[in-house]
C-alpha atoms as a PDB file:
ATOM      1  CA  MET A   1     215.405 111.772 158.803  1.00  0.00           C
ATOM      2  CA  HIS A   2     211.739 112.050 158.756  1.00  0.00           C
ATOM      3  CA  ILE A   3     210.528 113.539 162.420  1.00  0.00           C
ATOM      4  CA  LEU A   4     207.038 112.478 163.182  1.00  0.00           C
ATOM      5  CA  LYS A   5     204.853 114.549 165.592  1.00  0.00           C
ATOM      6  CA  PRO A   6     203.619 112.790 168.885  1.00  0.00           C
ATOM      7  CA  ASN A   7     200.406 112.196 167.548  1.00  0.00           C
ATOM      8  CA  GLN A   8     201.270 110.495 164.183  1.00  0.00           C
ATOM      9  CA  PHE A   9     202.895 107.153 165.834  1.00  0.00           C
ATOM     10  CA  SER A  10     199.500 105.469 166.574  1.00  0.00           C
ATOM     11  CA  GLY A  11     198.215 103.592 163.954  1.00  0.00           C
ATOM     12  CA  ASP A  12     201.306 104.331 161.452  1.00  0.00           C
ATOM     13  CA  ALA A  13     201.894 100.978 159.613  1.00  0.00           C
ATOM     14  CA  LEU A  14     205.542 101.270 160.276  1.00  0.00           C
ATOM     15  CA  THR A  15     205.173 101.471 163.974  1.00  0.00           C
ATOM     16  CA  GLU A  16     205.012  99.223 167.013  1.00  0.00           C
ATOM     17  CA  HIS A  17     203.670 100.050 170.328  1.00  0.00           C
ATOM     18  CA  ILE A  18     205.326  98.367 173.504  1.00  0.00           C
ATOM     19  CA  GLU A  19     203.857  98.671 176.812  1.00  0.00           C
ATOM     20  CA  LEU A  20     206.795  99.006 179.201  1.00  0.00           C
ATOM     21  CA  GLU A  21     204.903  97.053 181.972  1.00  0.00           C
ATOM     22  CA  GLU A  22     202.051  94.711 181.632  1.00  0.00           C
ATOM     23  CA  GLU A  23     201.732  93.044 185.466  1.00  0.00           C
ATOM     24  CA  LEU A  24     202.311  95.651 187.823  1.00  0.00           C
ATOM     25  CA  SER A  25     200.454  98.847 188.957  1.00  0.00           C
ATOM     26  CA  PRO A  26     201.687 102.029 189.340  1.00  0.00           C
ATOM     27  CA  PHE A  27     200.067 102.221 192.664  1.00  0.00           C
ATOM     28  CA  LEU A  28     200.093  99.855 195.485  1.00  0.00           C
ATOM     29  CA  ASN A  29     197.121  97.947 196.586  1.00  0.00           C
ATOM     30  CA  GLN A  30     194.589 100.118 194.955  1.00  0.00           C
ATOM     31  CA  SER A  31     195.856 103.149 197.379  1.00  0.00           C
ATOM     32  CA  ASP A  32     197.568 106.372 196.621  1.00  0.00           C
ATOM     33  CA  GLU A  33     201.024 105.115 197.601  1.00  0.00           C
ATOM     34  CA  LEU A  34     203.108 104.682 194.514  1.00  0.00           C
ATOM     35  CA  ASN A  35     204.443 101.159 193.529  1.00  0.00           C
ATOM     36  CA  GLN A  36     208.609 101.502 193.427  1.00  0.00           C
ATOM     37  CA  ALA A  37     208.959  97.904 191.723  1.00  0.00           C
ATOM     38  CA  TYR A  38     206.421  98.982 188.827  1.00  0.00           C
ATOM     39  CA  PHE A  39     208.874 102.004 188.059  1.00  0.00           C
ATOM     40  CA  ASP A  40     212.088 100.043 188.274  1.00  0.00           C
ATOM     41  CA  ALA A  41     210.238  97.492 185.971  1.00  0.00           C
ATOM     42  CA  VAL A  42     209.262 100.369 183.381  1.00  0.00           C
ATOM     43  CA  ILE A  43     212.717 102.178 183.710  1.00  0.00           C
ATOM     44  CA  ARG A  44     214.428  98.646 182.840  1.00  0.00           C
ATOM     45  CA  LYS A  45     212.561  97.979 179.865  1.00  0.00           C
ATOM     46  CA  ALA A  46     212.754 101.484 178.529  1.00  0.00           C
ATOM     47  CA  LYS A  47     216.369 101.372 178.921  1.00  0.00           C
ATOM     48  CA  GLY A  48     216.646  98.047 177.418  1.00  0.00           C
ATOM     49  CA  LEU A  49     214.911  99.207 174.584  1.00  0.00           C
ATOM     50  CA  PHE A  50     217.360 102.176 173.989  1.00  0.00           C
ATOM     51  CA  ASP A  51     220.342 100.015 174.696  1.00  0.00           C
ATOM     52  CA  THR A  52     219.137  97.543 171.729  1.00  0.00           C
ATOM     53  CA  LEU A  53     218.108 100.190 169.220  1.00  0.00           C
ATOM     54  CA  PHE A  54     221.146 102.861 169.910  1.00  0.00           C
ATOM     55  CA  PRO A  55     224.319 100.818 170.658  1.00  0.00           C
ATOM     56  CA  HIS A  56     227.450 102.728 172.004  1.00  0.00           C
ATOM     57  CA  GLY A  57     229.314 104.568 169.201  1.00  0.00           C
ATOM     58  CA  GLU A  58     226.047 105.180 166.950  1.00  0.00           C
ATOM     59  CA  ALA A  59     225.146 108.351 166.319  1.00  0.00           C
ATOM     60  CA  PHE A  60     221.246 109.163 166.705  1.00  0.00           C
ATOM     61  CA  THR A  61     219.591 112.739 166.987  1.00  0.00           C
ATOM     62  CA  LEU A  62     217.385 113.820 170.141  1.00  0.00           C
ATOM     63  CA  VAL A  63     214.270 115.355 168.910  1.00  0.00           C
ATOM     64  CA  TYR A  64     211.626 116.675 171.673  1.00  0.00           C
ATOM     65  CA  HIS A  65     208.188 118.666 171.039  1.00  0.00           C
ATOM     66  CA  VAL A  66     206.923 121.233 173.043  1.00  0.00           C
ATOM     67  CA  TYR A  67     203.565 122.452 172.851  1.00  0.00           C
ATOM     68  CA  GLY A  68     202.672 126.115 174.352  1.00  0.00           C
ATOM     69  CA  ASP A  69     203.156 129.827 173.226  1.00  0.00           C
ATOM     70  CA  HIS A  70     206.047 130.144 176.119  1.00  0.00           C
ATOM     71  CA  PRO A  71     207.765 126.629 176.338  1.00  0.00           C
ATOM     72  CA  GLY A  72     209.993 128.108 179.125  1.00  0.00           C
ATOM     73  CA  ASN A  73     212.840 125.760 180.539  1.00  0.00           C
ATOM     74  CA  THR A  74     211.868 121.970 179.581  1.00  0.00           C
ATOM     75  CA  GLY A  75     214.976 120.579 181.836  1.00  0.00           C
ATOM     76  CA  MET A  76     216.549 118.627 178.928  1.00  0.00           C
ATOM     77  CA  PHE A  77     219.626 120.544 178.949  1.00  0.00           C
ATOM     78  CA  ARG A  78     220.465 119.420 182.487  1.00  0.00           C
ATOM     79  CA  LEU A  79     220.437 115.734 181.126  1.00  0.00           C
ATOM     80  CA  ILE A  80     222.890 116.727 178.324  1.00  0.00           C
ATOM     81  CA  ARG A  81     226.378 116.142 179.478  1.00  0.00           C
ATOM     82  CA  ASP A  82     227.993 117.961 176.470  1.00  0.00           C
ATOM     83  CA  LYS A  83     227.054 121.579 176.823  1.00  0.00           C
ATOM     84  CA  SER A  84     228.138 122.604 173.421  1.00  0.00           C
ATOM     85  CA  LEU A  85     225.249 120.483 172.251  1.00  0.00           C
ATOM     86  CA  ARG A  86     223.119 124.046 173.286  1.00  0.00           C
ATOM     87  CA  PHE A  87     224.852 125.710 170.112  1.00  0.00           C
ATOM     88  CA  GLN A  88     224.088 123.029 167.723  1.00  0.00           C
ATOM     89  CA  THR A  89     220.187 122.565 168.699  1.00  0.00           C
ATOM     90  CA  ALA A  90     217.962 123.619 165.878  1.00  0.00           C
ATOM     91  CA  VAL A  91     214.307 124.739 166.574  1.00  0.00           C
ATOM     92  CA  ILE A  92     211.277 124.580 164.390  1.00  0.00           C
ATOM     93  CA  ARG A  93     208.148 126.411 165.120  1.00  0.00           C
ATOM     94  CA  SER A  94     204.874 125.504 163.931  1.00  0.00           C
ATOM     95  CA  GLU A  95     201.118 126.132 164.641  1.00  0.00           C
ATOM     96  CA  GLU A  96     199.136 122.539 165.545  1.00  0.00           C
ATOM     97  CA  GLU A  97     195.537 123.026 165.912  1.00  0.00           C
ATOM     98  CA  GLU A  98     195.748 126.640 167.210  1.00  0.00           C
ATOM     99  CA  GLU A  99     198.759 125.747 169.577  1.00  0.00           C
ATOM    100  CA  THR A 100     202.407 126.488 168.827  1.00  0.00           C
ATOM    101  CA  LEU A 101     204.712 123.537 168.857  1.00  0.00           C
ATOM    102  CA  ARG A 102     208.404 123.917 168.949  1.00  0.00           C
ATOM    103  CA  THR A 103     210.538 120.989 167.712  1.00  0.00           C
ATOM    104  CA  TYR A 104     214.243 120.974 169.203  1.00  0.00           C
ATOM    105  CA  ILE A 105     216.627 118.780 167.180  1.00  0.00           C
ATOM    106  CA  VAL A 106     219.887 117.753 168.633  1.00  0.00           C
ATOM    107  CA  PRO A 107     222.550 115.939 166.763  1.00  0.00           C
ATOM    108  CA  ILE A 108     224.083 113.208 169.348  1.00  0.00           C
ATOM    109  CA  ALA A 109     227.401 111.894 168.314  1.00  0.00           C
ATOM    110  CA  ASP A 110     227.800 109.471 170.868  1.00  0.00           C
ATOM    111  CA  ARG A 111     225.210 108.409 173.793  1.00  0.00           C
ATOM    112  CA  ASP A 112     227.864 109.227 176.418  1.00  0.00           C
ATOM    113  CA  GLN A 113     226.919 112.890 175.608  1.00  0.00           C
ATOM    114  CA  LEU A 114     223.389 112.356 177.296  1.00  0.00           C
ATOM    115  CA  ARG A 115     222.239 111.063 181.053  1.00  0.00           C
ATOM    116  CA  ILE A 116     220.354 108.499 179.199  1.00  0.00           C
ATOM    117  CA  THR A 117     218.940 106.871 182.212  1.00  0.00           C
ATOM    118  CA  ARG A 118     217.913 109.787 184.095  1.00  0.00           C
ATOM    119  CA  LEU A 119     216.368 110.833 180.734  1.00  0.00           C
ATOM    120  CA  LEU A 120     214.412 107.949 180.449  1.00  0.00           C
ATOM    121  CA  GLU A 121     213.596 108.017 184.063  1.00  0.00           C
ATOM    122  CA  ALA A 122     212.391 111.835 183.920  1.00  0.00           C
ATOM    123  CA  ILE A 123     210.031 110.438 180.817  1.00  0.00           C
ATOM    124  CA  CYS A 124     208.624 107.856 182.766  1.00  0.00           C
ATOM    125  CA  HIS A 125     207.946 109.799 185.813  1.00  0.00           C
ATOM    126  CA  GLN A 126     206.356 112.752 184.216  1.00  0.00           C
ATOM    127  CA  ASP A 127     202.781 111.869 185.566  1.00  0.00           C
ATOM    128  CA  PHE A 128     203.697 111.344 188.942  1.00  0.00           C
ATOM    129  CA  GLN A 129     204.501 114.417 190.666  1.00  0.00           C
ATOM    130  CA  PRO A 130     206.470 113.304 193.852  1.00  0.00           C
ATOM    131  CA  LEU A 131     209.071 111.104 191.648  1.00  0.00           C
ATOM    132  CA  ARG A 132     212.477 112.533 190.584  1.00  0.00           C
ATOM    133  CA  PRO A 133     213.942 113.362 188.258  1.00  0.00           C
ATOM    134  CA  ARG A 134     211.254 115.097 186.009  1.00  0.00           C
ATOM    135  CA  LEU A 135     211.320 117.344 183.081  1.00  0.00           C
ATOM    136  CA  ARG A 136     209.695 120.904 183.306  1.00  0.00           C
ATOM    137  CA  GLY A 137     209.063 120.463 187.075  1.00  0.00           C
ATOM    138  CA  TRP A 138     205.694 120.817 187.923  1.00  0.00           C
ATOM    139  CA  ALA A 139     204.530 122.158 184.864  1.00  0.00           C
ATOM    140  CA  MET A 140     201.424 120.678 183.073  1.00  0.00           C
ATOM    141  CA  SER A 141     202.971 120.008 179.413  1.00  0.00           C
ATOM    142  CA  TYR A 142     205.905 117.869 179.153  1.00  0.00           C
ATOM    143  CA  PRO A 143     208.284 117.476 176.119  1.00  0.00           C
ATOM    144  CA  ALA A 144     207.568 114.432 173.894  1.00  0.00           C
ATOM    145  CA  VAL A 145     211.026 112.898 173.400  1.00  0.00           C
ATOM    146  CA  GLN A 146     211.946 110.891 170.485  1.00  0.00           C
ATOM    147  CA  PHE A 147     215.407 108.911 169.530  1.00  0.00           C
ATOM    148  CA  ILE A 148     216.164 108.629 165.808  1.00  0.00           C
ATOM    149  CA  HIS A 149     219.253 106.398 164.368  1.00  0.00           C
ATOM    150  CA  GLN A 150     221.058 108.637 162.327  1.00  0.00           C
ATOM    151  CA  LYS A 151     222.041 105.963 159.850  1.00  0.00           C
ATOM    152  CA  ALA A 152     219.287 103.512 159.952  1.00  0.00           C
ATOM    153  CA  GLY A 153     216.527 105.661 160.341  1.00  0.00           C
ATOM    154  CA  HIS A 154     214.462 103.994 163.021  1.00  0.00           C
ATOM    155  CA  VAL A 155     212.712 106.113 165.867  1.00  0.00           C
ATOM    156  CA  LEU A 156     212.029 105.276 169.556  1.00  0.00           C
ATOM    157  CA  PHE A 157     209.325 107.198 171.296  1.00  0.00           C
ATOM    158  CA  VAL A 158     208.934 106.515 174.804  1.00  0.00           C
ATOM    159  CA  TYR A 159     205.510 108.597 175.961  1.00  0.00           C
ATOM    160  CA  ASP A 160     205.517 107.959 179.607  1.00  0.00           C
ATOM    161  CA  ASP A 161     205.576 105.163 182.089  1.00  0.00           C
ATOM    162  CA  ARG A 162     202.617 103.451 180.031  1.00  0.00           C
ATOM    163  CA  GLY A 163     204.427 102.629 176.745  1.00  0.00           C
ATOM    164  CA  ALA A 164     206.591 103.451 173.870  1.00  0.00           C
ATOM    165  CA  TYR A 165     206.483 103.360 169.777  1.00  0.00           C
ATOM    166  CA  ILE A 166     209.429 101.963 167.535  1.00  0.00           C
ATOM    167  CA  ARG A 167     209.439 102.865 164.158  1.00  0.00           C
ATOM    168  CA  GLY A 168     211.005 101.509 161.204  1.00  0.00           C
ATOM    169  CA  THR A 169     211.668 102.886 157.730  1.00  0.00           C
ATOM    170  CA  SER A 170     209.854  99.933 155.839  1.00  0.00           C
ATOM    171  CA  PRO A 171     207.833  96.896 156.863  1.00  0.00           C
ATOM    172  CA  GLU A 172     210.946  94.915 156.272  1.00  0.00           C
ATOM    173  CA  HIS A 173     212.946  97.317 158.707  1.00  0.00           C
ATOM    174  CA  LEU A 174     210.415  97.210 161.502  1.00  0.00           C
ATOM    175  CA  GLN A 175     210.415  93.317 161.254  1.00  0.00           C
ATOM    176  CA  ALA A 176     214.272  93.298 161.463  1.00  0.00           C
ATOM    177  CA  ILE A 177     213.937  95.852 164.621  1.00  0.00           C
ATOM    178  CA  LYS A 178     211.245  93.484 166.504  1.00  0.00           C
ATOM    179  CA  GLN A 179     213.712  90.453 165.902  1.00  0.00           C
ATOM    180  CA  LYS A 180     216.622  92.379 167.415  1.00  0.00           C
ATOM    181  CA  ILE A 181     214.670  93.438 170.514  1.00  0.00           C
ATOM    182  CA  SER A 182     214.653  90.522 172.958  1.00  0.00           C
ATOM    183  CA  PRO A 183     211.201  88.420 173.522  1.00  0.00           C
ATOM    184  CA  PRO A 184     210.700  90.100 176.892  1.00  0.00           C
ATOM    185  CA  LEU A 185     210.992  93.421 175.482  1.00  0.00           C
ATOM    186  CA  MET A 186     209.039  92.895 172.328  1.00  0.00           C
ATOM    187  CA  PRO A 187     205.205  91.551 172.799  1.00  0.00           C
ATOM    188  CA  ASP A 188     204.150  88.671 170.381  1.00  0.00           C
ATOM    189  CA  ARG A 189     201.390  89.963 168.838  1.00  0.00           C
ATOM    190  CA  THR A 190     200.558  86.959 166.292  1.00  0.00           C
END
C-alpha cells in the first residue's frame, strides 16, 4: 500500500482530478447565503465515487493526515462505528517543510464500520463554518482524508467541496477505474 501525502496528488501521472460540482455555486445569487442544492450535489457525487470504488464487503484503509504540533481531536473517531479500530490505528509522525505531519492509518474490513455519508459531508463542509457535520469543529486545519482499496490499491482523496482525486496503480488500472465510474461522475477530458 502506497500512501501519498495530500500535496502529492496534483500532477501525478496516475491521478485523475474530478470536480464534485461544476454548474452550481456554494452561494445563492452572489450573496453570503449558502446554496443547499450545491452541497447536496457535491455530497451525492462524492458518495457515488465512494460507492463505485469501495463496494460493500471489500476492505480498505482509511488514511488521514493532520498538520501541526498538537493535532488535538480530529473528530474522526466519532465517525467510526467500530470503536475497537482506535486500538488498530497506526500513527506515523514526520516533518514536512518545518511542520509536523501525523498520518493515521486505520484498517477497515467493511464499510459498515464507518459512517461514510457523515464523513463525506464533514469533508465537504470543512470550508463552511455553519454547516454540520464538521471535522475538528472550528479549527483552521482539517484532516486530509484518503481511502485506499486494500486489494486493488486505488485511492480516493476527497479534499473538500471542490473536488477529489482518484489514483490507480498503473496507467491501465487508472483507465479501468475511469471506465468503471459512470459518465456523470467522470469528466470527459478528451
